[in-house]
Amino acid sequence: MTMTRRRTLITFAPLALGGLALALFAALMAYLFVFGSMLGLPVSTLDGLGPTWPMTAATILLITAAISLPVGGLWAAAVTVAAARRNAQPRPGNGMPEAVSVS
């Protein structure tokens, strides 16, 4: 039995969320490096001129990634193992011979 799109989405959504959070964090760090370090603009600060949202966003993104990647990995493994066990059970009518009782 192949995985349907819906089941695949349910299985790998937490991992995708963690990957998206890491990608957004990398983009945020690139923004801070280019505009802050290379161009010298006030892009982020916690105690002076400039916005404070980049540090808040970085914190939220890292917490999201730190939670969703391990949980998503365990979830995907559990769903995959459960599906494999469910599909490994021989059932009558799927090409497997019927159980014959010998009296």
C-alpha atoms as a PDB file:
ATOM      1  CA  MET A   1       0.000   0.000   0.000  1.00  0.00           C
ATOM      2  CA  THR A   2       1.458   3.328  -0.973  1.00  0.00           C
ATOM      3  CA  MET A   3       1.125   6.413   1.136  1.00  0.00           C
ATOM      4  CA  THR A   4      -1.532   8.818   0.006  1.00  0.00           C
ATOM      5  CA  ARG A   5      -0.793  12.524  -0.207  1.00  0.00           C
ATOM      6  CA  ARG A   6      -2.853  13.230   2.885  1.00  0.00           C
ATOM      7  CA  ARG A   7      -1.062  10.565   4.924  1.00  0.00           C
ATOM      8  CA  THR A   8       2.311  11.797   3.687  1.00  0.00           C
ATOM      9  CA  LEU A   9       1.421  15.354   4.682  1.00  0.00           C
ATOM     10  CA  ILE A  10       0.312  14.228   8.143  1.00  0.00           C
ATOM     11  CA  THR A  11       3.445  12.116   8.553  1.00  0.00           C
ATOM     12  CA  PHE A  12       6.040  14.685   7.533  1.00  0.00           C
ATOM     13  CA  ALA A  13       4.386  18.025   8.428  1.00  0.00           C
ATOM     14  CA  PRO A  14       6.297  18.485  11.722  1.00  0.00           C
ATOM     15  CA  LEU A  15       9.605  17.868   9.954  1.00  0.00           C
ATOM     16  CA  ALA A  16       8.637  20.312   7.218  1.00  0.00           C
ATOM     17  CA  LEU A  17       7.754  22.918   9.849  1.00  0.00           C
ATOM     18  CA  GLY A  18      11.162  22.501  11.475  1.00  0.00           C
ATOM     19  CA  GLY A  19      12.914  22.752   8.129  1.00  0.00           C
ATOM     20  CA  LEU A  20      10.960  25.881   7.261  1.00  0.00           C
ATOM     21  CA  ALA A  21      11.870  27.428  10.622  1.00  0.00           C
ATOM     22  CA  LEU A  22      15.568  26.723  10.011  1.00  0.00           C
ATOM     23  CA  ALA A  23      15.375  28.155   6.491  1.00  0.00           C
ATOM     24  CA  LEU A  24      13.711  31.323   7.784  1.00  0.00           C
ATOM     25  CA  PHE A  25      16.329  31.586  10.533  1.00  0.00           C
ATOM     26  CA  ALA A  26      19.100  31.328   7.928  1.00  0.00           C
ATOM     27  CA  ALA A  27      17.410  34.039   5.847  1.00  0.00           C
ATOM     28  CA  LEU A  28      17.122  36.253   8.938  1.00  0.00           C
ATOM     29  CA  MET A  29      20.806  35.776   9.747  1.00  0.00           C
ATOM     30  CA  ALA A  30      21.716  36.612   6.146  1.00  0.00           C
ATOM     31  CA  TYR A  31      19.606  39.786   6.391  1.00  0.00           C
ATOM     32  CA  LEU A  32      21.323  40.785   9.636  1.00  0.00           C
ATOM     33  CA  PHE A  33      24.773  40.081   8.215  1.00  0.00           C
ATOM     34  CA  VAL A  34      24.281  41.907   4.925  1.00  0.00           C
ATOM     35  CA  PHE A  35      22.477  44.981   6.195  1.00  0.00           C
ATOM     36  CA  GLY A  36      24.037  45.117   9.662  1.00  0.00           C
ATOM     37  CA  SER A  37      27.664  44.041   9.257  1.00  0.00           C
ATOM     38  CA  MET A  38      28.379  44.780   5.617  1.00  0.00           C
ATOM     39  CA  LEU A  39      26.365  47.986   5.173  1.00  0.00           C
ATOM     40  CA  GLY A  40      26.500  49.198   8.774  1.00  0.00           C
ATOM     41  CA  LEU A  41      22.791  49.895   9.091  1.00  0.00           C
ATOM     42  CA  PRO A  42      20.994  49.663  12.456  1.00  0.00           C
ATOM     43  CA  VAL A  43      19.011  46.508  11.740  1.00  0.00           C
ATOM     44  CA  SER A  44      18.758  45.043  15.218  1.00  0.00           C
ATOM     45  CA  THR A  45      19.507  46.022  18.762  1.00  0.00           C
ATOM     46  CA  LEU A  46      18.386  45.197  22.230  1.00  0.00           C
ATOM     47  CA  ASP A  47      19.463  48.437  23.931  1.00  0.00           C
ATOM     48  CA  GLY A  48      19.848  51.225  21.367  1.00  0.00           C
ATOM     49  CA  LEU A  49      18.672  52.487  18.009  1.00  0.00           C
ATOM     50  CA  GLY A  50      17.067  49.973  15.717  1.00  0.00           C
ATOM     51  CA  PRO A  51      14.295  47.415  15.882  1.00  0.00           C
ATOM     52  CA  THR A  52      14.167  44.539  18.336  1.00  0.00           C
ATOM     53  CA  TRP A  53      12.033  42.216  16.169  1.00  0.00           C
ATOM     54  CA  PRO A  54      14.958  40.277  14.613  1.00  0.00           C
ATOM     55  CA  MET A  55      16.049  38.859  17.962  1.00  0.00           C
ATOM     56  CA  THR A  56      12.476  37.975  18.876  1.00  0.00           C
ATOM     57  CA  ALA A  57      11.982  36.328  15.485  1.00  0.00           C
ATOM     58  CA  ALA A  58      15.262  34.419  15.810  1.00  0.00           C
ATOM     59  CA  THR A  59      14.257  33.146  19.252  1.00  0.00           C
ATOM     60  CA  ILE A  60      10.835  32.002  18.052  1.00  0.00           C
ATOM     61  CA  LEU A  61      12.298  30.319  14.955  1.00  0.00           C
ATOM     62  CA  LEU A  62      14.961  28.450  16.927  1.00  0.00           C
ATOM     63  CA  ILE A  63      12.473  27.290  19.560  1.00  0.00           C
ATOM     64  CA  THR A  64      10.123  26.114  16.804  1.00  0.00           C
ATOM     65  CA  ALA A  65      12.923  24.206  15.082  1.00  0.00           C
ATOM     66  CA  ALA A  66      14.223  22.750  18.360  1.00  0.00           C
ATOM     67  CA  ILE A  67      10.784  21.365  19.200  1.00  0.00           C
ATOM     68  CA  SER A  68       9.447  20.325  15.802  1.00  0.00           C
ATOM     69  CA  LEU A  69      12.524  18.560  14.393  1.00  0.00           C
ATOM     70  CA  PRO A  70      12.955  15.908  17.131  1.00  0.00           C
ATOM     71  CA  VAL A  71       9.212  15.503  17.632  1.00  0.00           C
ATOM     72  CA  GLY A  72       8.688  15.332  13.860  1.00  0.00           C
ATOM     73  CA  GLY A  73      11.392  12.708  13.498  1.00  0.00           C
ATOM     74  CA  LEU A  74       9.871  10.546  16.212  1.00  0.00           C
ATOM     75  CA  TRP A  75       6.374  11.074  14.796  1.00  0.00           C
ATOM     76  CA  ALA A  76       7.439  10.121  11.251  1.00  0.00           C
ATOM     77  CA  ALA A  77       9.240   7.028  12.515  1.00  0.00           C
ATOM     78  CA  ALA A  78       6.259   5.949  14.622  1.00  0.00           C
ATOM     79  CA  VAL A  79       3.756   6.440  11.798  1.00  0.00           C
ATOM     80  CA  THR A  80       5.996   4.638   9.303  1.00  0.00           C
ATOM     81  CA  VAL A  81       6.593   1.666  11.621  1.00  0.00           C
ATOM     82  CA  ALA A  82       2.885   1.433  12.458  1.00  0.00           C
ATOM     83  CA  ALA A  83       1.976   1.470   8.754  1.00  0.00           C
ATOM     84  CA  ALA A  84       4.590  -1.183   7.988  1.00  0.00           C
ATOM     85  CA  ARG A  85       3.293  -3.435  10.757  1.00  0.00           C
ATOM     86  CA  ARG A  86      -0.298  -2.936   9.671  1.00  0.00           C
ATOM     87  CA  ASN A  87       0.566  -3.810   6.062  1.00  0.00           C
ATOM     88  CA  ALA A  88       2.689  -6.818   7.054  1.00  0.00           C
ATOM     89  CA  GLN A  89      -0.258  -8.649   8.612  1.00  0.00           C
ATOM     90  CA  PRO A  90      -1.481 -11.359   6.234  1.00  0.00           C
ATOM     91  CA  ARG A  91      -5.150 -10.871   5.445  1.00  0.00           C
ATOM     92  CA  PRO A  92      -7.401 -13.188   3.495  1.00  0.00           C
ATOM     93  CA  GLY A  93      -8.081 -12.045  -0.025  1.00  0.00           C
ATOM     94  CA  ASN A  94      -4.830 -10.211  -0.665  1.00  0.00           C
ATOM     95  CA  GLY A  95      -3.077 -13.056  -2.404  1.00  0.00           C
ATOM     96  CA  MET A  96      -2.224 -14.912   0.775  1.00  0.00           C
ATOM     97  CA  PRO A  97      -3.539 -18.461   1.167  1.00  0.00           C
ATOM     98  CA  GLU A  98      -6.344 -19.021   3.614  1.00  0.00           C
ATOM     99  CA  ALA A  99      -5.442 -20.584   6.931  1.00  0.00           C
ATOM    100  CA  VAL A 100      -6.464 -24.224   6.905  1.00  0.00           C
ATOM    101  CA  SER A 101      -7.195 -25.987  10.147  1.00  0.00           C
ATOM    102  CA  VAL A 102      -6.240 -29.624  10.266  1.00  0.00           C
ATOM    103  CA  SER A 103      -8.550 -31.763  12.401  1.00  0.00           C
END
